[in-house]
Amino acid sequence: MSAEDLEKYETEMELSLYREYRDIVGQFNYVVETERRFYLANSVELIPHNVDGEIYFELRMSDSWVWDMYRPARFVKHVRVITFKDVNIEELDKPDLRLPE
């Protein structure tokens, strides 16, 4: 496999992943970003820990989807992340349900 073939494959995988994200984002309540991953989740709990002056975060999510094109299964029932880095949690806006005309 040439470098060009590999680049084309990765581009196609990223486009496929974006399309999957676009199709499912409405099913989730939160967008969560860590230094390593991007998640969609329906339940999020962020627990700060302070041990001997060192602060780290425990992030617990359930009913999640992981943005990772190399994972064979992106839907995850429970996720637990431990990090010393920033965590960004955003609640998704749910527009009112519109009935077809």
Protein backbone atom coordinates (compact mmCIF):
# COMPACT_ATOMS: atom_id res chain seq x y z
CA MET A 1 0.00 0.00 0.00
CA SER A 2 1.46 3.33 -1.03
CA ALA A 3 1.46 6.48 1.10
CA GLU A 4 -1.10 7.95 -1.28
CA ASP A 5 -3.39 4.92 -0.86
CA LEU A 6 -3.08 5.16 2.92
CA GLU A 7 -3.90 8.86 2.88
CA LYS A 8 -6.94 8.24 0.65
CA TYR A 9 -8.12 5.45 2.97
CA GLU A 10 -7.79 7.67 6.06
CA THR A 11 -9.63 10.52 4.33
CA GLU A 12 -12.49 8.18 3.42
CA MET A 13 -12.61 6.84 6.99
CA GLU A 14 -12.77 10.37 8.44
CA LEU A 15 -15.56 11.33 6.05
CA SER A 16 -17.48 8.20 7.00
CA LEU A 17 -16.96 8.97 10.69
CA TYR A 18 -18.20 12.54 10.21
CA ARG A 19 -21.32 11.26 8.45
CA GLU A 20 -21.96 8.82 11.29
CA TYR A 21 -21.54 11.66 13.81
CA ARG A 22 -23.93 13.90 11.87
CA ASP A 23 -26.57 11.14 11.79
CA ILE A 24 -26.44 10.34 15.51
CA VAL A 25 -25.58 13.59 17.31
CA GLY A 26 -29.27 14.33 17.94
CA GLN A 27 -29.56 11.19 20.09
CA PHE A 28 -27.17 12.51 22.75
CA ASN A 29 -27.31 15.17 25.47
CA TYR A 30 -23.62 16.09 25.83
CA VAL A 31 -20.48 16.68 23.81
CA VAL A 32 -17.33 15.88 25.80
CA GLU A 33 -13.76 16.68 24.77
CA THR A 34 -10.65 15.38 26.49
CA GLU A 35 -7.05 15.71 25.37
CA ARG A 36 -7.26 12.33 23.64
CA ARG A 37 -10.86 11.79 22.52
CA PHE A 38 -14.17 13.36 21.57
CA TYR A 39 -17.38 11.79 22.92
CA LEU A 40 -21.11 12.11 22.67
CA ALA A 41 -22.90 10.96 25.83
CA ASN A 42 -26.28 10.94 27.51
CA SER A 43 -24.92 11.05 31.06
CA VAL A 44 -21.72 12.77 32.23
CA GLU A 45 -20.15 13.06 35.67
CA LEU A 46 -16.90 14.96 36.29
CA ILE A 47 -15.20 14.24 39.62
CA PRO A 48 -12.14 16.28 40.60
CA HIS A 49 -9.56 14.55 42.82
CA ASN A 50 -6.81 16.20 44.86
CA VAL A 51 -4.10 13.84 46.06
CA ASP A 52 -1.08 15.40 47.76
CA GLY A 53 -1.66 18.66 45.93
CA GLU A 54 -1.96 16.98 42.53
CA ILE A 55 -5.32 17.53 40.88
CA TYR A 56 -6.75 15.11 38.35
CA PHE A 57 -10.19 14.46 36.96
CA GLU A 58 -12.27 11.32 36.77
CA LEU A 59 -14.81 11.49 33.99
CA ARG A 60 -17.67 9.00 33.88
CA MET A 61 -20.02 8.74 30.92
CA SER A 62 -22.76 6.37 29.93
CA ASP A 63 -24.52 5.62 26.67
CA SER A 64 -21.65 7.12 24.72
CA TRP A 65 -20.27 7.33 21.22
CA VAL A 66 -16.52 7.77 20.65
CA TRP A 67 -15.00 9.73 17.77
CA ASP A 68 -12.26 7.28 16.80
CA MET A 69 -12.02 5.95 13.27
CA TYR A 70 -9.86 3.01 14.35
CA ARG A 71 -12.39 1.58 16.84
CA PRO A 72 -14.51 -1.22 15.42
CA ALA A 73 -17.33 -0.35 17.87
CA ARG A 74 -17.88 3.31 18.65
CA PHE A 75 -20.97 2.91 20.84
CA VAL A 76 -19.96 2.32 24.46
CA LYS A 77 -22.24 1.61 27.44
CA HIS A 78 -19.90 3.03 30.10
CA VAL A 79 -16.71 5.09 29.78
CA ARG A 80 -14.29 6.10 32.54
CA VAL A 81 -11.46 8.52 31.79
CA ILE A 82 -8.74 9.67 34.19
CA THR A 83 -6.91 12.82 33.10
CA PHE A 84 -4.67 15.60 34.40
CA LYS A 85 -5.68 17.76 31.43
CA ASP A 86 -8.70 19.96 30.73
CA VAL A 87 -12.11 18.44 30.09
CA ASN A 88 -14.75 20.32 28.13
CA ILE A 89 -18.41 19.33 28.63
CA GLU A 90 -21.18 20.98 26.64
CA GLU A 91 -24.87 20.27 26.86
CA LEU A 92 -26.38 20.00 23.40
CA ASP A 93 -29.29 22.24 22.54
CA LYS A 94 -32.38 20.21 21.71
CA PRO A 95 -34.59 22.20 19.35
CA ASP A 96 -38.30 21.67 19.76
CA LEU A 97 -39.66 18.67 17.96
CA ARG A 98 -41.14 19.71 14.65
CA LEU A 99 -43.90 17.72 13.08
CA PRO A 100 -43.88 17.23 9.31
CA GLU A 101 -46.22 19.56 7.44
